[in-house]
């Protein structure tokens, strides 16, 4: 596997901002880190934020708009590119 281009990390349409991932097609914007993530990492991060909110008895932070909305067209982009 080729080493990911660091210039593309965390930018829209580039590589996922998560260092352990670096998958292409980062199309989910995180309002907390101001960076772009792939679908799988975005879901994982948002679920962690939701769990944290439940544990702390606070409303969950919405880091990724519409990540759990199945009609969001970005989910279809992910399915086509797998």
PDB file of N, CA and C in Angstrom:
ATOM      1  N   UNK A   1       0.835  -1.182   0.000  1.00  0.00           N
ATOM      2  CA  UNK A   1       0.000   0.000   0.000  1.00  0.00           C
ATOM      3  C   UNK A   1       0.880   1.246   0.000  1.00  0.00           C
ATOM      4  N   UNK A   2       0.485   2.226  -0.755  1.00  0.00           N
ATOM      5  CA  UNK A   2       1.238   3.475  -0.830  1.00  0.00           C
ATOM      6  C   UNK A   2       1.034   4.288   0.438  1.00  0.00           C
ATOM      7  N   UNK A   3       2.042   5.048   0.781  1.00  0.00           N
ATOM      8  CA  UNK A   3       1.944   5.937   1.935  1.00  0.00           C
ATOM      9  C   UNK A   3       1.031   7.110   1.559  1.00  0.00           C
ATOM     10  N   UNK A   4       0.068   7.458   2.433  1.00  0.00           N
ATOM     11  CA  UNK A   4      -0.836   8.566   2.121  1.00  0.00           C
ATOM     12  C   UNK A   4      -0.096   9.904   2.045  1.00  0.00           C
ATOM     13  N   UNK A   5      -0.576  10.759   1.189  1.00  0.00           N
ATOM     14  CA  UNK A   5       0.003  12.093   1.024  1.00  0.00           C
ATOM     15  C   UNK A   5      -0.411  12.967   2.207  1.00  0.00           C
ATOM     16  N   UNK A   6       0.533  13.452   3.007  1.00  0.00           N
ATOM     17  CA  UNK A   6       0.171  14.265   4.177  1.00  0.00           C
ATOM     18  C   UNK A   6      -0.529  15.570   3.804  1.00  0.00           C
ATOM     19  N   UNK A   7      -0.342  16.030   2.588  1.00  0.00           N
ATOM     20  CA  UNK A   7      -1.005  17.266   2.147  1.00  0.00           C
ATOM     21  C   UNK A   7      -2.516  17.082   2.025  1.00  0.00           C
ATOM     22  N   UNK A   8      -2.982  15.834   1.885  1.00  0.00           N
ATOM     23  CA  UNK A   8      -4.406  15.556   1.702  1.00  0.00           C
ATOM     24  C   UNK A   8      -5.119  15.225   3.006  1.00  0.00           C
ATOM     25  N   UNK A   9      -4.374  15.092   4.090  1.00  0.00           N
ATOM     26  CA  UNK A   9      -4.959  14.666   5.367  1.00  0.00           C
ATOM     27  C   UNK A   9      -5.920  15.724   5.913  1.00  0.00           C
ATOM     28  N   UNK A  10      -7.159  15.300   6.133  1.00  0.00           N
ATOM     29  CA  UNK A  10      -8.148  16.152   6.783  1.00  0.00           C
ATOM     30  C   UNK A  10      -8.762  17.226   5.926  1.00  0.00           C
ATOM     31  N   UNK A  11      -8.498  17.220   4.623  1.00  0.00           N
ATOM     32  CA  UNK A  11      -9.124  18.222   3.757  1.00  0.00           C
ATOM     33  C   UNK A  11     -10.307  17.600   3.026  1.00  0.00           C
ATOM     34  N   UNK A  12     -11.243  18.432   2.612  1.00  0.00           N
ATOM     35  CA  UNK A  12     -12.452  17.955   1.943  1.00  0.00           C
ATOM     36  C   UNK A  12     -12.103  17.174   0.680  1.00  0.00           C
ATOM     37  N   UNK A  13     -12.591  15.935   0.624  1.00  0.00           N
ATOM     38  CA  UNK A  13     -12.347  15.077  -0.518  1.00  0.00           C
ATOM     39  C   UNK A  13     -10.996  14.402  -0.490  1.00  0.00           C
ATOM     40  N   UNK A  14     -10.158  14.762   0.469  1.00  0.00           N
ATOM     41  CA  UNK A  14      -8.826  14.164   0.594  1.00  0.00           C
ATOM     42  C   UNK A  14      -8.867  12.914   1.450  1.00  0.00           C
ATOM     43  N   UNK A  15      -7.863  12.748   2.279  1.00  0.00           N
ATOM     44  CA  UNK A  15      -7.782  11.570   3.144  1.00  0.00           C
ATOM     45  C   UNK A  15      -8.370  11.884   4.515  1.00  0.00           C
ATOM     46  N   UNK A  16      -8.885  10.834   5.139  1.00  0.00           N
ATOM     47  CA  UNK A  16      -9.462  10.941   6.473  1.00  0.00           C
ATOM     48  C   UNK A  16      -8.449  11.568   7.435  1.00  0.00           C
ATOM     49  N   UNK A  17      -8.929  12.426   8.319  1.00  0.00           N
ATOM     50  CA  UNK A  17      -8.047  13.110   9.257  1.00  0.00           C
ATOM     51  C   UNK A  17      -7.499  12.186  10.341  1.00  0.00           C
ATOM     52  N   UNK A  18      -8.127  11.055  10.556  1.00  0.00           N
ATOM     53  CA  UNK A  18      -7.666  10.127  11.594  1.00  0.00           C
ATOM     54  C   UNK A  18      -6.387   9.449  11.118  1.00  0.00           C
ATOM     55  N   UNK A  19      -5.308   9.638  11.833  1.00  0.00           N
ATOM     56  CA  UNK A  19      -3.998   9.138  11.423  1.00  0.00           C
ATOM     57  C   UNK A  19      -3.995   7.638  11.197  1.00  0.00           C
ATOM     58  N   UNK A  20      -4.707   6.901  12.016  1.00  0.00           N
ATOM     59  CA  UNK A  20      -4.749   5.443  11.879  1.00  0.00           C
ATOM     60  C   UNK A  20      -5.542   4.993  10.659  1.00  0.00           C
ATOM     61  N   UNK A  21      -6.269   5.878  10.023  1.00  0.00           N
ATOM     62  CA  UNK A  21      -7.127   5.510   8.890  1.00  0.00           C
ATOM     63  C   UNK A  21      -6.541   5.990   7.557  1.00  0.00           C
ATOM     64  N   UNK A  22      -6.623   7.295   7.317  1.00  0.00           N
ATOM     65  CA  UNK A  22      -6.107   7.930   6.097  1.00  0.00           C
ATOM     66  C   UNK A  22      -6.777   7.448   4.805  1.00  0.00           C
ATOM     67  N   UNK A  23      -8.012   6.934   4.897  1.00  0.00           N
ATOM     68  CA  UNK A  23      -8.741   6.511   3.694  1.00  0.00           C
ATOM     69  C   UNK A  23      -9.091   7.733   2.849  1.00  0.00           C
ATOM     70  N   UNK A  24      -9.176   7.564   1.529  1.00  0.00           N
ATOM     71  CA  UNK A  24      -9.578   8.682   0.664  1.00  0.00           C
ATOM     72  C   UNK A  24     -11.079   8.972   0.804  1.00  0.00           C
ATOM     73  N   UNK A  25     -11.519  10.008   0.148  1.00  0.00           N
ATOM     74  CA  UNK A  25     -12.931  10.423   0.129  1.00  0.00           C
ATOM     75  C   UNK A  25     -13.427  10.901   1.486  1.00  0.00           C
ATOM     76  N   UNK A  26     -12.675  11.752   2.129  1.00  0.00           N
ATOM     77  CA  UNK A  26     -13.100  12.344   3.396  1.00  0.00           C
ATOM     78  C   UNK A  26     -14.154  13.404   3.091  1.00  0.00           C
ATOM     79  N   UNK A  27     -15.424  13.063   3.320  1.00  0.00           N
ATOM     80  CA  UNK A  27     -16.511  13.980   2.963  1.00  0.00           C
ATOM     81  C   UNK A  27     -17.411  14.325   4.153  1.00  0.00           C
ATOM     82  N   UNK A  28     -16.987  13.979   5.356  1.00  0.00           N
ATOM     83  CA  UNK A  28     -17.758  14.303   6.561  1.00  0.00           C
ATOM     84  C   UNK A  28     -16.961  15.290   7.400  1.00  0.00           C
ATOM     85  N   UNK A  29     -17.506  16.479   7.587  1.00  0.00           N
ATOM     86  CA  UNK A  29     -16.821  17.560   8.302  1.00  0.00           C
ATOM     87  C   UNK A  29     -17.128  17.492   9.792  1.00  0.00           C
ATOM     88  N   UNK A  30     -16.087  17.541  10.601  1.00  0.00           N
ATOM     89  CA  UNK A  30     -16.214  17.530  12.053  1.00  0.00           C
ATOM     90  C   UNK A  30     -16.155  18.971  12.546  1.00  0.00           C
ATOM     91  N   UNK A  31     -17.259  19.421  13.135  1.00  0.00           N
ATOM     92  CA  UNK A  31     -17.349  20.806  13.608  1.00  0.00           C
ATOM     93  C   UNK A  31     -16.481  21.063  14.830  1.00  0.00           C
ATOM     94  N   UNK A  32     -15.989  20.016  15.470  1.00  0.00           N
ATOM     95  CA  UNK A  32     -15.135  20.182  16.644  1.00  0.00           C
ATOM     96  C   UNK A  32     -13.666  20.284  16.293  1.00  0.00           C
ATOM     97  N   UNK A  33     -13.226  19.473  15.333  1.00  0.00           N
ATOM     98  CA  UNK A  33     -11.808  19.476  14.965  1.00  0.00           C
ATOM     99  C   UNK A  33     -11.542  20.295  13.701  1.00  0.00           C
ATOM    100  N   UNK A  34     -12.612  20.738  13.034  1.00  0.00           N
ATOM    101  CA  UNK A  34     -12.497  21.530  11.804  1.00  0.00           C
ATOM    102  C   UNK A  34     -11.741  20.765  10.718  1.00  0.00           C
ATOM    103  N   UNK A  35     -11.981  19.456  10.635  1.00  0.00           N
ATOM    104  CA  UNK A  35     -11.305  18.616   9.650  1.00  0.00           C
ATOM    105  C   UNK A  35     -12.307  17.633   9.054  1.00  0.00           C
ATOM    106  N   UNK A  36     -11.884  16.963   7.996  1.00  0.00           N
ATOM    107  CA  UNK A  36     -12.744  16.055   7.241  1.00  0.00           C
ATOM    108  C   UNK A  36     -12.352  14.599   7.504  1.00  0.00           C
ATOM    109  N   UNK A  37     -13.382  13.735   7.552  1.00  0.00           N
ATOM    110  CA  UNK A  37     -13.196  12.330   7.890  1.00  0.00           C
ATOM    111  C   UNK A  37     -13.944  11.432   6.905  1.00  0.00           C
ATOM    112  N   UNK A  38     -13.506  10.174   6.824  1.00  0.00           N
ATOM    113  CA  UNK A  38     -14.240   9.187   6.028  1.00  0.00           C
ATOM    114  C   UNK A  38     -15.513   8.805   6.790  1.00  0.00           C
ATOM    115  N   UNK A  39     -16.408   8.136   6.126  1.00  0.00           N
ATOM    116  CA  UNK A  39     -17.701   7.777   6.725  1.00  0.00           C
ATOM    117  C   UNK A  39     -17.526   6.910   7.967  1.00  0.00           C
ATOM    118  N   UNK A  40     -16.705   5.877   7.890  1.00  0.00           N
ATOM    119  CA  UNK A  40     -16.561   4.952   9.020  1.00  0.00           C
ATOM    120  C   UNK A  40     -16.006   5.649  10.256  1.00  0.00           C
ATOM    121  N   UNK A  41     -14.998   6.471  10.088  1.00  0.00           N
ATOM    122  CA  UNK A  41     -14.428   7.191  11.236  1.00  0.00           C
ATOM    123  C   UNK A  41     -15.416   8.216  11.773  1.00  0.00           C
ATOM    124  N   UNK A  42     -16.148   8.880  10.887  1.00  0.00           N
ATOM    125  CA  UNK A  42     -17.136   9.863  11.329  1.00  0.00           C
ATOM    126  C   UNK A  42     -18.203   9.197  12.199  1.00  0.00           C
ATOM    127  N   UNK A  43     -18.671   8.040  11.790  1.00  0.00           N
ATOM    128  CA  UNK A  43     -19.679   7.312  12.573  1.00  0.00           C
ATOM    129  C   UNK A  43     -19.101   6.912  13.925  1.00  0.00           C
ATOM    130  N   UNK A  44     -17.881   6.390  13.933  1.00  0.00           N
ATOM    131  CA  UNK A  44     -17.243   5.969  15.185  1.00  0.00           C
ATOM    132  C   UNK A  44     -17.070   7.146  16.140  1.00  0.00           C
ATOM    133  N   UNK A  45     -16.595   8.271  15.624  1.00  0.00           N
ATOM    134  CA  UNK A  45     -16.372   9.459  16.450  1.00  0.00           C
ATOM    135  C   UNK A  45     -17.700   9.988  16.988  1.00  0.00           C
ATOM    136  N   UNK A  46     -18.734  10.044  16.140  1.00  0.00           N
ATOM    137  CA  UNK A  46     -20.031  10.553  16.587  1.00  0.00           C
ATOM    138  C   UNK A  46     -20.652   9.631  17.630  1.00  0.00           C
ATOM    139  N   UNK A  47     -20.522   8.318  17.447  1.00  0.00           N
ATOM    140  CA  UNK A  47     -21.042   7.381  18.453  1.00  0.00           C
ATOM    141  C   UNK A  47     -20.336   7.576  19.795  1.00  0.00           C
ATOM    142  N   UNK A  48     -19.036   7.804  19.761  1.00  0.00           N
ATOM    143  CA  UNK A  48     -18.293   8.059  21.007  1.00  0.00           C
ATOM    144  C   UNK A  48     -18.780   9.332  21.685  1.00  0.00           C
ATOM    145  N   UNK A  49     -19.040  10.364  20.895  1.00  0.00           N
ATOM    146  CA  UNK A  49     -19.556  11.621  21.453  1.00  0.00           C
ATOM    147  C   UNK A  49     -20.939  11.402  22.064  1.00  0.00           C
ATOM    148  N   UNK A  50     -21.770  10.606  21.408  1.00  0.00           N
ATOM    149  CA  UNK A  50     -23.103  10.299  21.937  1.00  0.00           C
ATOM    150  C   UNK A  50     -22.985   9.546  23.256  1.00  0.00           C
ATOM    151  N   UNK A  51     -22.106   8.535  23.291  1.00  0.00           N
ATOM    152  CA  UNK A  51     -21.907   7.749  24.511  1.00  0.00           C
ATOM    153  C   UNK A  51     -21.394   8.622  25.655  1.00  0.00           C
ATOM    154  N   UNK A  52     -20.487   9.528  25.351  1.00  0.00           N
ATOM    155  CA  UNK A  52     -19.953  10.442  26.365  1.00  0.00           C
ATOM    156  C   UNK A  52     -21.071  11.304  26.944  1.00  0.00           C
ATOM    157  N   UNK A  53     -21.937  11.805  26.065  1.00  0.00           N
ATOM    158  CA  UNK A  53     -23.061  12.622  26.525  1.00  0.00           C
ATOM    159  C   UNK A  53     -23.984  11.850  27.447  1.00  0.00           C
ATOM    160  N   UNK A  54     -24.243  10.592  27.122  1.00  0.00           N
ATOM    161  CA  UNK A  54     -25.108   9.753  27.956  1.00  0.00           C
ATOM    162  C   UNK A  54     -24.454   9.534  29.323  1.00  0.00           C
ATOM    163  N   UNK A  55     -23.168   9.209  29.324  1.00  0.00           N
ATOM    164  CA  UNK A  55     -22.458   8.960  30.587  1.00  0.00           C
ATOM    165  C   UNK A  55     -22.433  10.198  31.476  1.00  0.00           C
ATOM    166  N   UNK A  56     -22.308  11.347  30.866  1.00  0.00           N
ATOM    167  CA  UNK A  56     -22.219  12.601  31.636  1.00  0.00           C
ATOM    168  C   UNK A  56     -23.584  13.253  31.832  1.00  0.00           C
ATOM    169  N   UNK A  57     -24.640  12.587  31.376  1.00  0.00           N
ATOM    170  CA  UNK A  57     -26.011  13.096  31.468  1.00  0.00           C
ATOM    171  C   UNK A  57     -26.136  14.474  30.839  1.00  0.00           C
ATOM    172  N   UNK A  58     -25.539  14.609  29.664  1.00  0.00           N
ATOM    173  CA  UNK A  58     -25.596  15.845  28.888  1.00  0.00           C
ATOM    174  C   UNK A  58     -26.086  15.511  27.486  1.00  0.00           C
ATOM    175  N   UNK A  59     -26.605  16.489  26.785  1.00  0.00           N
ATOM    176  CA  UNK A  59     -26.981  16.231  25.392  1.00  0.00           C
ATOM    177  C   UNK A  59     -25.729  15.889  24.578  1.00  0.00           C
ATOM    178  N   UNK A  60     -25.857  14.997  23.611  1.00  0.00           N
ATOM    179  CA  UNK A  60     -24.683  14.644  22.810  1.00  0.00           C
ATOM    180  C   UNK A  60     -24.222  15.819  21.949  1.00  0.00           C
ATOM    181  N   UNK A  61     -22.921  15.891  21.728  1.00  0.00           N
ATOM    182  CA  UNK A  61     -22.369  16.890  20.811  1.00  0.00           C
ATOM    183  C   UNK A  61     -22.625  16.406  19.387  1.00  0.00           C
ATOM    184  N   UNK A  62     -23.155  17.249  18.556  1.00  0.00           N
ATOM    185  CA  UNK A  62     -23.349  16.891  17.156  1.00  0.00           C
ATOM    186  C   UNK A  62     -22.107  17.359  16.404  1.00  0.00           C
ATOM    187  N   UNK A  63     -21.213  16.420  16.143  1.00  0.00           N
ATOM    188  CA  UNK A  63     -19.969  16.763  15.462  1.00  0.00           C
ATOM    189  C   UNK A  63     -20.101  16.650  13.951  1.00  0.00           C
ATOM    190  N   UNK A  64     -20.913  15.715  13.493  1.00  0.00           N
ATOM    191  CA  UNK A  64     -21.095  15.480  12.058  1.00  0.00           C
ATOM    192  C   UNK A  64     -22.580  15.619  11.727  1.00  0.00           C
ATOM    193  N   UNK A  65     -22.931  16.662  10.986  1.00  0.00           N
ATOM    194  CA  UNK A  65     -24.325  16.882  10.605  1.00  0.00           C
ATOM    195  C   UNK A  65     -24.839  15.723   9.757  1.00  0.00           C
ATOM    196  N   UNK A  66     -25.983  15.200  10.102  1.00  0.00           N
ATOM    197  CA  UNK A  66     -26.703  14.173   9.335  1.00  0.00           C
ATOM    198  C   UNK A  66     -25.979  12.837   9.200  1.00  0.00           C
ATOM    199  N   UNK A  67     -25.011  12.542  10.062  1.00  0.00           N
ATOM    200  CA  UNK A  67     -24.265  11.286   9.924  1.00  0.00           C
ATOM    201  C   UNK A  67     -25.172  10.076  10.075  1.00  0.00           C
ATOM    202  N   UNK A  68     -26.228  10.173  10.858  1.00  0.00           N
ATOM    203  CA  UNK A  68     -27.140   9.046  11.038  1.00  0.00           C
ATOM    204  C   UNK A  68     -28.427   9.206  10.233  1.00  0.00           C
ATOM    205  N   UNK A  69     -28.445  10.129   9.297  1.00  0.00           N
ATOM    206  CA  UNK A  69     -29.594  10.341   8.418  1.00  0.00           C
ATOM    207  C   UNK A  69     -29.386   9.524   7.144  1.00  0.00           C
ATOM    208  N   UNK A  70     -30.128   8.418   6.982  1.00  0.00           N
ATOM    209  CA  UNK A  70     -29.870   7.525   5.845  1.00  0.00           C
ATOM    210  C   UNK A  70     -30.100   8.152   4.475  1.00  0.00           C
ATOM    211  N   UNK A  71     -30.869   9.230   4.401  1.00  0.00           N
ATOM    212  CA  UNK A  71     -31.122   9.844   3.098  1.00  0.00           C
ATOM    213  C   UNK A  71     -30.053  10.851   2.688  1.00  0.00           C
ATOM    214  N   UNK A  72     -29.066  11.099   3.564  1.00  0.00           N
ATOM    215  CA  UNK A  72     -27.991  12.024   3.193  1.00  0.00           C
ATOM    216  C   UNK A  72     -27.240  11.438   1.993  1.00  0.00           C
ATOM    217  N   UNK A  73     -27.077  12.201   0.923  1.00  0.00           N
ATOM    218  CA  UNK A  73     -26.467  11.664  -0.306  1.00  0.00           C
ATOM    219  C   UNK A  73     -25.015  11.214  -0.133  1.00  0.00           C
ATOM    220  N   UNK A  74     -24.336  11.660   0.896  1.00  0.00           N
ATOM    221  CA  UNK A  74     -22.949  11.241   1.098  1.00  0.00           C
ATOM    222  C   UNK A  74     -22.846   9.752   1.395  1.00  0.00           C
ATOM    223  N   UNK A  75     -23.900   9.157   1.956  1.00  0.00           N
ATOM    224  CA  UNK A  75     -23.880   7.714   2.198  1.00  0.00           C
ATOM    225  C   UNK A  75     -23.842   6.952   0.868  1.00  0.00           C
ATOM    226  N   UNK A  76     -24.539   7.461  -0.121  1.00  0.00           N
ATOM    227  CA  UNK A  76     -24.540   6.815  -1.442  1.00  0.00           C
ATOM    228  C   UNK A  76     -23.165   6.932  -2.099  1.00  0.00           C
ATOM    229  N   UNK A  77     -22.499   8.055  -1.931  1.00  0.00           N
ATOM    230  CA  UNK A  77     -21.133   8.218  -2.459  1.00  0.00           C
ATOM    231  C   UNK A  77     -20.222   7.152  -1.859  1.00  0.00           C
ATOM    232  N   UNK A  78     -20.360   6.919  -0.565  1.00  0.00           N
ATOM    233  CA  UNK A  78     -19.559   5.889   0.106  1.00  0.00           C
ATOM    234  C   UNK A  78     -19.840   4.502  -0.491  1.00  0.00           C
ATOM    235  N   UNK A  79     -21.117   4.189  -0.680  1.00  0.00           N
ATOM    236  CA  UNK A  79     -21.469   2.862  -1.214  1.00  0.00           C
ATOM    237  C   UNK A  79     -20.927   2.659  -2.626  1.00  0.00           C
ATOM    238  N   UNK A  80     -20.939   3.704  -3.430  1.00  0.00           N
ATOM    239  CA  UNK A  80     -20.435   3.587  -4.811  1.00  0.00           C
ATOM    240  C   UNK A  80     -18.919   3.405  -4.851  1.00  0.00           C
ATOM    241  N   UNK A  81     -18.203   3.971  -3.900  1.00  0.00           N
ATOM    242  CA  UNK A  81     -16.736   3.953  -3.920  1.00  0.00           C
ATOM    243  C   UNK A  81     -16.119   2.802  -3.157  1.00  0.00           C
ATOM    244  N   UNK A  82     -16.906   1.905  -2.587  1.00  0.00           N
ATOM    245  CA  UNK A  82     -16.303   0.793  -1.856  1.00  0.00           C
ATOM    246  C   UNK A  82     -15.798  -0.266  -2.787  1.00  0.00           C
TER     247      UNK A  82
END
